[in-house]
Amino acid sequence: MRRPALALLVAGALLASAAAHAQTYDPRFPVCMQIYGPVGYADCRYATLEQCRYLAVGRSATCIVNPYFARNEPKARSRTRRDH
């Protein structure tokens, strides 16, 4: 009787640990909707905060700026002095 109980306990522990996933943010979009609830997640596919807020109405969610958004900013020019 002890082995089946132990096997059931081990199987339950493995199934419970398999449900944990790392959160990823899509770096192509500047705004994410953070959805709250039993299964909370971030939905990063919005171009503006206004667009996200419009779609978040009536939901348990909030709109946030994507911390991993890949900005295409021009590189700063180096200010080196050239002697001619």
PDB file of N, CA and C in Angstrom:
ATOM      1  N   MET A   1       0.824  -1.200   0.000  1.00  0.00           N
ATOM      2  CA  MET A   1       0.000   0.000   0.000  1.00  0.00           C
ATOM      3  C   MET A   1       0.864   1.258   0.000  1.00  0.00           C
ATOM      4  N   ARG A   2       2.067   1.117   0.479  1.00  0.00           N
ATOM      5  CA  ARG A   2       2.942   2.270   0.575  1.00  0.00           C
ATOM      6  C   ARG A   2       3.471   2.687  -0.806  1.00  0.00           C
ATOM      7  N   ARG A   3       3.796   1.754  -1.664  1.00  0.00           N
ATOM      8  CA  ARG A   3       4.335   2.073  -2.995  1.00  0.00           C
ATOM      9  C   ARG A   3       3.335   2.805  -3.889  1.00  0.00           C
ATOM     10  N   PRO A   4       2.086   2.363  -3.974  1.00  0.00           N
ATOM     11  CA  PRO A   4       1.140   3.114  -4.806  1.00  0.00           C
ATOM     12  C   PRO A   4       0.932   4.541  -4.301  1.00  0.00           C
ATOM     13  N   ALA A   5       0.921   4.743  -3.003  1.00  0.00           N
ATOM     14  CA  ALA A   5       0.750   6.089  -2.449  1.00  0.00           C
ATOM     15  C   ALA A   5       1.955   6.959  -2.786  1.00  0.00           C
ATOM     16  N   LEU A   6       3.134   6.376  -2.689  1.00  0.00           N
ATOM     17  CA  LEU A   6       4.350   7.117  -3.019  1.00  0.00           C
ATOM     18  C   LEU A   6       4.392   7.443  -4.512  1.00  0.00           C
ATOM     19  N   ALA A   7       4.013   6.493  -5.350  1.00  0.00           N
ATOM     20  CA  ALA A   7       3.986   6.723  -6.805  1.00  0.00           C
ATOM     21  C   ALA A   7       2.984   7.811  -7.152  1.00  0.00           C
ATOM     22  N   LEU A   8       1.833   7.826  -6.497  1.00  0.00           N
ATOM     23  CA  LEU A   8       0.824   8.855  -6.734  1.00  0.00           C
ATOM     24  C   LEU A   8       1.333  10.223  -6.299  1.00  0.00           C
ATOM     25  N   LEU A   9       2.016  10.280  -5.183  1.00  0.00           N
ATOM     26  CA  LEU A   9       2.588  11.533  -4.692  1.00  0.00           C
ATOM     27  C   LEU A   9       3.640  12.079  -5.648  1.00  0.00           C
ATOM     28  N   VAL A  10       4.513  11.221  -6.141  1.00  0.00           N
ATOM     29  CA  VAL A  10       5.558  11.636  -7.078  1.00  0.00           C
ATOM     30  C   VAL A  10       4.940  12.105  -8.394  1.00  0.00           C
ATOM     31  N   ALA A  11       3.940  11.379  -8.893  1.00  0.00           N
ATOM     32  CA  ALA A  11       3.276  11.771 -10.146  1.00  0.00           C
ATOM     33  C   ALA A  11       2.584  13.126  -9.986  1.00  0.00           C
ATOM     34  N   GLY A  12       1.954  13.356  -8.849  1.00  0.00           N
ATOM     35  CA  GLY A  12       1.302  14.649  -8.593  1.00  0.00           C
ATOM     36  C   GLY A  12       2.304  15.785  -8.534  1.00  0.00           C
ATOM     37  N   ALA A  13       3.444  15.549  -7.913  1.00  0.00           N
ATOM     38  CA  ALA A  13       4.480  16.577  -7.834  1.00  0.00           C
ATOM     39  C   ALA A  13       5.030  16.910  -9.218  1.00  0.00           C
ATOM     40  N   LEU A  14       5.220  15.906 -10.051  1.00  0.00           N
ATOM     41  CA  LEU A  14       5.716  16.145 -11.410  1.00  0.00           C
ATOM     42  C   LEU A  14       4.714  16.920 -12.254  1.00  0.00           C
ATOM     43  N   LEU A  15       3.455  16.590 -12.145  1.00  0.00           N
ATOM     44  CA  LEU A  15       2.425  17.298 -12.907  1.00  0.00           C
ATOM     45  C   LEU A  15       2.284  18.746 -12.444  1.00  0.00           C
ATOM     46  N   ALA A  16       2.387  18.975 -11.152  1.00  0.00           N
ATOM     47  CA  ALA A  16       2.270  20.336 -10.625  1.00  0.00           C
ATOM     48  C   ALA A  16       3.450  21.194 -11.052  1.00  0.00           C
ATOM     49  N   SER A  17       4.628  20.624 -11.120  1.00  0.00           N
ATOM     50  CA  SER A  17       5.801  21.410 -11.493  1.00  0.00           C
ATOM     51  C   SER A  17       5.871  21.657 -12.991  1.00  0.00           C
ATOM     52  N   ALA A  18       5.201  20.873 -13.797  1.00  0.00           N
ATOM     53  CA  ALA A  18       5.245  21.040 -15.253  1.00  0.00           C
ATOM     54  C   ALA A  18       4.446  22.241 -15.715  1.00  0.00           C
ATOM     55  N   ALA A  19       3.555  22.776 -14.886  1.00  0.00           N
ATOM     56  CA  ALA A  19       2.696  23.879 -15.293  1.00  0.00           C
ATOM     57  C   ALA A  19       3.411  25.228 -15.261  1.00  0.00           C
ATOM     58  N   ALA A  20       4.578  25.330 -14.687  1.00  0.00           N
ATOM     59  CA  ALA A  20       5.286  26.601 -14.577  1.00  0.00           C
ATOM     60  C   ALA A  20       6.047  26.893 -15.872  1.00  0.00           C
ATOM     61  N   HIS A  21       5.744  28.058 -16.474  1.00  0.00           N
ATOM     62  CA  HIS A  21       6.411  28.480 -17.699  1.00  0.00           C
ATOM     63  C   HIS A  21       7.026  29.858 -17.485  1.00  0.00           C
ATOM     64  N   ALA A  22       8.095  30.131 -18.160  1.00  0.00           N
ATOM     65  CA  ALA A  22       8.726  31.439 -18.075  1.00  0.00           C
ATOM     66  C   ALA A  22       7.901  32.456 -18.855  1.00  0.00           C
ATOM     67  N   GLN A  23       7.805  33.650 -18.318  1.00  0.00           N
ATOM     68  CA  GLN A  23       7.068  34.720 -18.991  1.00  0.00           C
ATOM     69  C   GLN A  23       7.963  35.348 -20.044  1.00  0.00           C
ATOM     70  N   THR A  24       7.427  35.529 -21.227  1.00  0.00           N
ATOM     71  CA  THR A  24       8.192  36.185 -22.280  1.00  0.00           C
ATOM     72  C   THR A  24       7.415  37.385 -22.790  1.00  0.00           C
ATOM     73  N   TYR A  25       8.123  38.405 -23.152  1.00  0.00           N
ATOM     74  CA  TYR A  25       7.549  39.609 -23.732  1.00  0.00           C
ATOM     75  C   TYR A  25       8.016  39.687 -25.176  1.00  0.00           C
ATOM     76  N   ASP A  26       7.107  39.989 -26.089  1.00  0.00           N
ATOM     77  CA  ASP A  26       7.459  40.103 -27.500  1.00  0.00           C
ATOM     78  C   ASP A  26       8.176  41.433 -27.715  1.00  0.00           C
ATOM     79  N   PRO A  27       9.445  41.422 -28.109  1.00  0.00           N
ATOM     80  CA  PRO A  27      10.206  42.667 -28.243  1.00  0.00           C
ATOM     81  C   PRO A  27       9.820  43.497 -29.466  1.00  0.00           C
ATOM     82  N   ARG A  28       8.891  43.023 -30.301  1.00  0.00           N
ATOM     83  CA  ARG A  28       8.496  43.772 -31.496  1.00  0.00           C
ATOM     84  C   ARG A  28       7.439  44.828 -31.231  1.00  0.00           C
ATOM     85  N   PHE A  29       6.768  44.785 -30.086  1.00  0.00           N
ATOM     86  CA  PHE A  29       5.674  45.716 -29.792  1.00  0.00           C
ATOM     87  C   PHE A  29       5.967  46.503 -28.524  1.00  0.00           C
ATOM     88  N   PRO A  30       5.633  47.802 -28.503  1.00  0.00           N
ATOM     89  CA  PRO A  30       5.984  48.647 -27.361  1.00  0.00           C
ATOM     90  C   PRO A  30       5.043  48.544 -26.161  1.00  0.00           C
ATOM     91  N   VAL A  31       3.852  47.947 -26.332  1.00  0.00           N
ATOM     92  CA  VAL A  31       2.865  47.927 -25.251  1.00  0.00           C
ATOM     93  C   VAL A  31       2.367  46.501 -25.010  1.00  0.00           C
ATOM     94  N   CYS A  32       2.198  46.145 -23.739  1.00  0.00           N
ATOM     95  CA  CYS A  32       1.682  44.832 -23.347  1.00  0.00           C
ATOM     96  C   CYS A  32       0.440  45.004 -22.488  1.00  0.00           C
ATOM     97  N   MET A  33      -0.469  44.028 -22.589  1.00  0.00           N
ATOM     98  CA  MET A  33      -1.614  43.962 -21.690  1.00  0.00           C
ATOM     99  C   MET A  33      -1.315  42.865 -20.676  1.00  0.00           C
ATOM    100  N   GLN A  34      -1.257  43.242 -19.413  1.00  0.00           N
ATOM    101  CA  GLN A  34      -1.031  42.284 -18.342  1.00  0.00           C
ATOM    102  C   GLN A  34      -2.388  41.794 -17.882  1.00  0.00           C
ATOM    103  N   ILE A  35      -2.694  40.515 -18.126  1.00  0.00           N
ATOM    104  CA  ILE A  35      -3.974  39.927 -17.769  1.00  0.00           C
ATOM    105  C   ILE A  35      -3.817  39.215 -16.432  1.00  0.00           C
ATOM    106  N   TYR A  36      -4.765  39.471 -15.519  1.00  0.00           N
ATOM    107  CA  TYR A  36      -4.741  38.879 -14.186  1.00  0.00           C
ATOM    108  C   TYR A  36      -5.809  37.801 -14.091  1.00  0.00           C
ATOM    109  N   GLY A  37      -5.623  36.862 -13.206  1.00  0.00           N
ATOM    110  CA  GLY A  37      -6.592  35.792 -12.993  1.00  0.00           C
ATOM    111  C   GLY A  37      -5.880  34.514 -12.635  1.00  0.00           C
ATOM    112  N   PRO A  38      -6.614  33.404 -12.700  1.00  0.00           N
ATOM    113  CA  PRO A  38      -5.986  32.121 -12.364  1.00  0.00           C
ATOM    114  C   PRO A  38      -4.780  31.815 -13.249  1.00  0.00           C
ATOM    115  N   VAL A  39      -4.859  32.202 -14.518  1.00  0.00           N
ATOM    116  CA  VAL A  39      -3.742  32.017 -15.442  1.00  0.00           C
ATOM    117  C   VAL A  39      -3.369  33.407 -15.963  1.00  0.00           C
ATOM    118  N   GLY A  40      -2.505  34.107 -15.256  1.00  0.00           N
ATOM    119  CA  GLY A  40      -2.089  35.443 -15.654  1.00  0.00           C
ATOM    120  C   GLY A  40      -0.985  35.381 -16.698  1.00  0.00           C
ATOM    121  N   TYR A  41      -1.012  36.321 -17.632  1.00  0.00           N
ATOM    122  CA  TYR A  41       0.012  36.357 -18.671  1.00  0.00           C
ATOM    123  C   TYR A  41       0.082  37.764 -19.265  1.00  0.00           C
ATOM    124  N   ALA A  42       1.114  38.018 -20.033  1.00  0.00           N
ATOM    125  CA  ALA A  42       1.288  39.290 -20.716  1.00  0.00           C
ATOM    126  C   ALA A  42       1.058  39.075 -22.207  1.00  0.00           C
ATOM    127  N   ASP A  43       0.220  39.917 -22.788  1.00  0.00           N
ATOM    128  CA  ASP A  43      -0.091  39.856 -24.214  1.00  0.00           C
ATOM    129  C   ASP A  43       0.533  41.084 -24.868  1.00  0.00           C
ATOM    130  N   CYS A  44       1.659  40.905 -25.520  1.00  0.00           N
ATOM    131  CA  CYS A  44       2.409  42.026 -26.097  1.00  0.00           C
ATOM    132  C   CYS A  44       2.206  42.078 -27.609  1.00  0.00           C
ATOM    133  N   ARG A  45       1.147  42.750 -28.030  1.00  0.00           N
ATOM    134  CA  ARG A  45       0.908  42.911 -29.463  1.00  0.00           C
ATOM    135  C   ARG A  45       0.190  44.220 -29.770  1.00  0.00           C
ATOM    136  N   TYR A  46       0.487  45.249 -28.997  1.00  0.00           N
ATOM    137  CA  TYR A  46      -0.190  46.527 -29.154  1.00  0.00           C
ATOM    138  C   TYR A  46       0.808  47.622 -29.521  1.00  0.00           C
ATOM    139  N   ALA A  47       0.366  48.492 -30.425  1.00  0.00           N
ATOM    140  CA  ALA A  47       1.231  49.573 -30.906  1.00  0.00           C
ATOM    141  C   ALA A  47       1.177  50.794 -29.998  1.00  0.00           C
ATOM    142  N   THR A  48       0.024  51.034 -29.342  1.00  0.00           N
ATOM    143  CA  THR A  48      -0.124  52.206 -28.481  1.00  0.00           C
ATOM    144  C   THR A  48      -0.843  51.824 -27.195  1.00  0.00           C
ATOM    145  N   LEU A  49      -0.679  52.660 -26.169  1.00  0.00           N
ATOM    146  CA  LEU A  49      -1.390  52.443 -24.913  1.00  0.00           C
ATOM    147  C   LEU A  49      -2.894  52.589 -25.117  1.00  0.00           C
ATOM    148  N   GLU A  50      -3.318  53.523 -25.988  1.00  0.00           N
ATOM    149  CA  GLU A  50      -4.742  53.735 -26.242  1.00  0.00           C
ATOM    150  C   GLU A  50      -5.382  52.485 -26.845  1.00  0.00           C
ATOM    151  N   GLN A  51      -4.699  51.862 -27.782  1.00  0.00           N
ATOM    152  CA  GLN A  51      -5.208  50.640 -28.406  1.00  0.00           C
ATOM    153  C   GLN A  51      -5.362  49.543 -27.356  1.00  0.00           C
ATOM    154  N   CYS A  52      -4.387  49.383 -26.496  1.00  0.00           N
ATOM    155  CA  CYS A  52      -4.430  48.373 -25.453  1.00  0.00           C
ATOM    156  C   CYS A  52      -5.549  48.658 -24.459  1.00  0.00           C
ATOM    157  N   ARG A  53      -5.670  49.904 -24.019  1.00  0.00           N
ATOM    158  CA  ARG A  53      -6.701  50.267 -23.045  1.00  0.00           C
ATOM    159  C   ARG A  53      -8.101  50.046 -23.602  1.00  0.00           C
ATOM    160  N   TYR A  54      -8.294  50.323 -24.883  1.00  0.00           N
ATOM    161  CA  TYR A  54      -9.590  50.102 -25.517  1.00  0.00           C
ATOM    162  C   TYR A  54      -9.986  48.628 -25.441  1.00  0.00           C
ATOM    163  N   LEU A  55      -9.023  47.738 -25.671  1.00  0.00           N
ATOM    164  CA  LEU A  55      -9.305  46.304 -25.656  1.00  0.00           C
ATOM    165  C   LEU A  55      -9.300  45.702 -24.247  1.00  0.00           C
ATOM    166  N   ALA A  56      -8.804  46.450 -23.256  1.00  0.00           N
ATOM    167  CA  ALA A  56      -8.766  45.956 -21.882  1.00  0.00           C
ATOM    168  C   ALA A  56     -10.032  46.289 -21.098  1.00  0.00           C
ATOM    169  N   VAL A  57     -10.938  47.071 -21.667  1.00  0.00           N
ATOM    170  CA  VAL A  57     -12.160  47.472 -20.969  1.00  0.00           C
ATOM    171  C   VAL A  57     -12.985  46.240 -20.622  1.00  0.00           C
ATOM    172  N   GLY A  58     -13.395  46.147 -19.364  1.00  0.00           N
ATOM    173  CA  GLY A  58     -14.221  45.037 -18.907  1.00  0.00           C
ATOM    174  C   GLY A  58     -13.449  43.789 -18.542  1.00  0.00           C
ATOM    175  N   ARG A  59     -12.142  43.835 -18.638  1.00  0.00           N
ATOM    176  CA  ARG A  59     -11.310  42.681 -18.303  1.00  0.00           C
ATOM    177  C   ARG A  59     -10.500  42.980 -17.056  1.00  0.00           C
ATOM    178  N   SER A  60     -10.042  41.942 -16.423  1.00  0.00           N
ATOM    179  CA  SER A  60      -9.142  42.095 -15.295  1.00  0.00           C
ATOM    180  C   SER A  60      -7.727  42.204 -15.867  1.00  0.00           C
ATOM    181  N   ALA A  61      -7.417  43.405 -16.371  1.00  0.00           N
ATOM    182  CA  ALA A  61      -6.143  43.604 -17.069  1.00  0.00           C
ATOM    183  C   ALA A  61      -5.707  45.054 -16.946  1.00  0.00           C
ATOM    184  N   THR A  62      -4.428  45.269 -17.197  1.00  0.00           N
ATOM    185  CA  THR A  62      -3.872  46.617 -17.245  1.00  0.00           C
ATOM    186  C   THR A  62      -2.856  46.678 -18.376  1.00  0.00           C
ATOM    187  N   CYS A  63      -2.640  47.865 -18.893  1.00  0.00           N
ATOM    188  CA  CYS A  63      -1.696  48.052 -20.000  1.00  0.00           C
ATOM    189  C   CYS A  63      -0.392  48.618 -19.463  1.00  0.00           C
ATOM    190  N   ILE A  64       0.715  48.050 -19.923  1.00  0.00           N
ATOM    191  CA  ILE A  64       2.037  48.469 -19.460  1.00  0.00           C
ATOM    192  C   ILE A  64       2.960  48.663 -20.659  1.00  0.00           C
ATOM    193  N   VAL A  65       3.985  49.460 -20.454  1.00  0.00           N
ATOM    194  CA  VAL A  65       5.015  49.634 -21.475  1.00  0.00           C
ATOM    195  C   VAL A  65       5.896  48.389 -21.451  1.00  0.00           C
ATOM    196  N   ASN A  66       6.168  47.845 -22.614  1.00  0.00           N
ATOM    197  CA  ASN A  66       6.965  46.628 -22.736  1.00  0.00           C
ATOM    198  C   ASN A  66       8.411  46.928 -22.332  1.00  0.00           C
ATOM    199  N   PRO A  67       8.905  46.307 -21.256  1.00  0.00           N
ATOM    200  CA  PRO A  67      10.276  46.584 -20.821  1.00  0.00           C
ATOM    201  C   PRO A  67      11.333  46.011 -21.766  1.00  0.00           C
ATOM    202  N   TYR A  68      10.942  45.136 -22.676  1.00  0.00           N
ATOM    203  CA  TYR A  68      11.889  44.508 -23.594  1.00  0.00           C
ATOM    204  C   TYR A  68      11.678  44.947 -25.040  1.00  0.00           C
ATOM    205  N   PHE A  69      10.988  46.066 -25.237  1.00  0.00           N
ATOM    206  CA  PHE A  69      10.752  46.559 -26.587  1.00  0.00           C
ATOM    207  C   PHE A  69      12.079  46.949 -27.231  1.00  0.00           C
ATOM    208  N   ALA A  70      12.323  46.441 -28.432  1.00  0.00           N
ATOM    209  CA  ALA A  70      13.574  46.721 -29.149  1.00  0.00           C
ATOM    210  C   ALA A  70      13.414  48.025 -29.919  1.00  0.00           C
ATOM    211  N   ARG A  71      13.901  49.087 -29.345  1.00  0.00           N
ATOM    212  CA  ARG A  71      13.805  50.400 -29.993  1.00  0.00           C
ATOM    213  C   ARG A  71      14.867  50.502 -31.084  1.00  0.00           C
ATOM    214  N   ASN A  72      14.473  51.072 -32.189  1.00  0.00           N
ATOM    215  CA  ASN A  72      15.409  51.274 -33.297  1.00  0.00           C
ATOM    216  C   ASN A  72      15.914  52.709 -33.265  1.00  0.00           C
ATOM    217  N   GLU A  73      16.719  53.004 -32.267  1.00  0.00           N
ATOM    218  CA  GLU A  73      17.276  54.349 -32.126  1.00  0.00           C
ATOM    219  C   GLU A  73      18.587  54.445 -32.898  1.00  0.00           C
ATOM    220  N   PRO A  74      18.808  55.579 -33.542  1.00  0.00           N
ATOM    221  CA  PRO A  74      20.080  55.725 -34.258  1.00  0.00           C
ATOM    222  C   PRO A  74      21.244  55.766 -33.276  1.00  0.00           C
ATOM    223  N   LYS A  75      22.354  55.203 -33.698  1.00  0.00           N
ATOM    224  CA  LYS A  75      23.536  55.189 -32.850  1.00  0.00           C
ATOM    225  C   LYS A  75      24.115  56.592 -32.773  1.00  0.00           C
ATOM    226  N   ALA A  76      24.614  56.938 -31.602  1.00  0.00           N
ATOM    227  CA  ALA A  76      25.225  58.241 -31.411  1.00  0.00           C
ATOM    228  C   ALA A  76      26.535  58.307 -32.162  1.00  0.00           C
ATOM    229  N   ARG A  77      26.751  59.444 -32.786  1.00  0.00           N
ATOM    230  CA  ARG A  77      28.022  59.622 -33.512  1.00  0.00           C
ATOM    231  C   ARG A  77      29.133  59.882 -32.510  1.00  0.00           C
ATOM    232  N   SER A  78      30.250  59.318 -32.800  1.00  0.00           N
ATOM    233  CA  SER A  78      31.378  59.569 -31.922  1.00  0.00           C
ATOM    234  C   SER A  78      31.974  60.923 -32.277  1.00  0.00           C
ATOM    235  N   ARG A  79      32.350  61.650 -31.264  1.00  0.00           N
ATOM    236  CA  ARG A  79      32.894  62.980 -31.476  1.00  0.00           C
ATOM    237  C   ARG A  79      34.416  62.933 -31.368  1.00  0.00           C
ATOM    238  N   THR A  80      35.015  62.441 -32.417  1.00  0.00           N
ATOM    239  CA  THR A  80      36.474  62.395 -32.440  1.00  0.00           C
ATOM    240  C   THR A  80      36.986  63.569 -33.267  1.00  0.00           C
ATOM    241  N   ARG A  81      38.095  64.054 -32.871  1.00  0.00           N
ATOM    242  CA  ARG A  81      38.684  65.179 -33.567  1.00  0.00           C
ATOM    243  C   ARG A  81      39.622  64.651 -34.646  1.00  0.00           C
ATOM    244  N   ARG A  82      39.394  65.112 -35.829  1.00  0.00           N
ATOM    245  CA  ARG A  82      40.266  64.685 -36.933  1.00  0.00           C
ATOM    246  C   ARG A  82      41.219  65.812 -37.290  1.00  0.00           C
ATOM    247  N   ASP A  83      42.446  65.479 -37.339  1.00  0.00           N
ATOM    248  CA  ASP A  83      43.451  66.462 -37.751  1.00  0.00           C
ATOM    249  C   ASP A  83      43.715  66.291 -39.231  1.00  0.00           C
ATOM    250  N   HIS A  84      43.574  67.347 -39.958  1.00  0.00           N
ATOM    251  CA  HIS A  84      43.828  67.292 -41.402  1.00  0.00           C
ATOM    252  C   HIS A  84      45.124  67.943 -41.731  1.00  0.00           C
TER     253      HIS A  84
END
